[in-house]
Protein backbone atom coordinates (compact mmCIF):
# COMPACT_ATOMS: atom_id res chain seq x y z
CA MET A 1 33.87 -121.49 -25.31
CA MET A 2 36.24 -121.18 -22.64
CA GLU A 3 37.07 -117.33 -21.51
CA PRO A 4 40.13 -116.02 -22.14
CA ARG A 5 41.55 -116.25 -19.17
CA VAL A 6 40.68 -119.87 -18.33
CA TYR A 7 41.65 -121.38 -21.67
CA LEU A 8 45.17 -119.47 -21.63
CA GLU A 9 45.79 -120.49 -17.59
CA ASP A 10 44.75 -123.90 -19.55
CA PHE A 11 47.13 -123.76 -21.50
CA PHE A 12 50.17 -121.68 -20.05
CA GLY A 13 49.52 -124.37 -16.93
CA LYS A 14 50.88 -127.19 -19.90
CA ILE A 15 53.51 -125.26 -20.80
CA ALA A 16 54.09 -124.43 -16.56
CA LYS A 17 54.52 -128.24 -16.56
CA ASN A 18 56.88 -128.20 -18.82
CA GLU A 19 59.39 -125.56 -17.51
CA ASP A 20 62.88 -127.96 -17.96
CA LYS A 21 61.51 -127.81 -21.71
CA MET A 22 61.92 -123.82 -22.35
CA GLY A 23 65.43 -123.44 -20.04
CA GLY A 24 66.65 -119.82 -19.54
CA VAL A 25 63.34 -118.28 -21.61
CA ASN A 26 62.21 -115.30 -21.85
CA VAL A 27 59.71 -113.59 -23.98
CA LYS A 28 55.96 -110.94 -23.12
CA ILE A 29 53.21 -112.60 -25.16
CA GLN A 30 50.68 -110.14 -25.44
CA TYR A 31 47.15 -111.45 -26.85
CA ASP A 32 44.48 -108.99 -28.08
CA PHE A 33 40.99 -110.01 -28.54
CA SER A 34 39.08 -106.28 -28.69
CA GLY A 35 38.28 -106.92 -31.55
CA ASP A 36 35.22 -108.26 -30.07
CA ASP A 37 35.24 -106.95 -26.87
CA HIS A 38 36.93 -110.00 -24.42
CA GLY A 39 40.10 -107.09 -24.11
CA LYS A 40 43.66 -107.59 -23.78
CA TRP A 41 45.71 -110.63 -22.04
CA TYR A 42 49.63 -111.24 -21.01
CA VAL A 43 52.18 -113.26 -19.92
CA GLU A 44 54.85 -113.16 -19.12
CA ILE A 45 57.92 -115.98 -19.38
CA VAL A 46 61.03 -115.20 -17.33
CA ASP A 47 63.92 -117.78 -16.59
CA GLY A 48 61.64 -120.17 -17.97
CA LYS A 49 59.07 -119.98 -15.70
CA VAL A 50 55.03 -118.88 -16.35
CA MET A 51 54.26 -115.98 -14.41
CA GLY A 52 50.81 -116.22 -14.77
CA VAL A 53 47.67 -114.55 -17.04
CA VAL A 54 46.95 -111.17 -16.34
CA GLU A 55 44.25 -108.63 -18.25
CA GLY A 56 45.80 -105.84 -19.94
CA GLU A 57 48.57 -104.87 -21.74
CA ILE A 58 52.59 -105.18 -21.29
CA GLU A 59 55.80 -103.19 -22.67
CA ASN A 60 57.34 -104.42 -25.43
CA PRO A 61 55.87 -108.09 -26.03
CA SER A 62 57.71 -110.08 -28.16
CA CYS A 63 54.54 -110.79 -30.48
CA THR A 64 51.09 -110.19 -30.21
CA PHE A 65 48.21 -112.30 -31.78
CA ILE A 66 45.38 -110.47 -32.74
CA ALA A 67 42.51 -112.20 -32.90
CA LYS A 68 37.71 -112.58 -32.57
CA TYR A 69 38.33 -114.32 -29.23
CA LYS A 70 36.72 -116.84 -31.29
CA ASN A 71 38.33 -116.89 -34.49
CA PHE A 72 41.41 -117.54 -31.63
CA HIS A 73 39.87 -120.23 -29.66
CA ASN A 74 38.48 -121.90 -32.65
CA ALA A 75 42.14 -122.32 -34.44
CA PHE A 76 44.08 -123.37 -31.44
CA THR A 77 41.01 -125.69 -29.89
CA GLY A 78 40.61 -127.44 -33.31
CA LYS A 79 37.57 -126.48 -34.49
CA ALA A 80 39.60 -124.89 -37.44
CA LYS A 81 43.04 -124.60 -38.59
CA PRO A 82 45.47 -121.99 -37.14
CA ALA A 83 47.60 -121.95 -40.37
CA ALA A 84 43.77 -120.99 -42.51
CA ALA A 85 43.49 -119.04 -39.98
CA PHE A 86 46.60 -117.12 -39.83
CA MET A 87 46.40 -117.07 -44.28
CA THR A 88 43.16 -115.35 -43.95
CA GLY A 89 43.57 -113.03 -41.79
CA LYS A 90 41.55 -113.93 -38.69
CA ILE A 91 44.29 -114.35 -36.72
CA LYS A 92 47.75 -111.67 -37.02
CA LEU A 93 50.83 -112.19 -35.75
CA LYS A 94 53.15 -109.55 -34.97
CA GLY A 95 56.51 -109.61 -33.54
CA ASP A 96 58.40 -112.66 -33.47
CA LYS A 97 55.97 -115.42 -35.43
CA GLY A 98 58.72 -118.56 -34.08
CA ILE A 99 57.50 -117.87 -30.62
CA ALA A 100 54.35 -119.22 -31.77
CA ILE A 101 55.61 -122.31 -33.07
CA LYS A 102 57.62 -122.69 -29.73
CA LEU A 103 54.46 -122.47 -27.77
CA GLU A 104 52.94 -125.35 -29.43
CA LYS A 105 55.82 -127.91 -28.50
CA TRP A 106 56.45 -126.44 -25.08
CA SER A 107 52.75 -127.43 -24.56
CA ARG A 108 53.51 -130.78 -25.00
């Protein structure tokens, strides 16, 4: 299993290649994997540009994913179904839930 920084950099690298789909998007996405000691990470997208993956916390995130990293990784790499992970509480989302859907669209 990839470490969080590697996974998030890979995922947001795909999004960065598709910045033309994101025209003027401004979001702050927080990931809280502290439940299993994988820490907290965030990504900020400013005017449709991915600013990078940073360890730590960002003020006023647009949305926050909260999960054990293993559960998150499994859900978003096809080893488990994301909908099931959310419905069973293995992954929680605070804030703008629409961003989760948009992230998948932007990564294609």
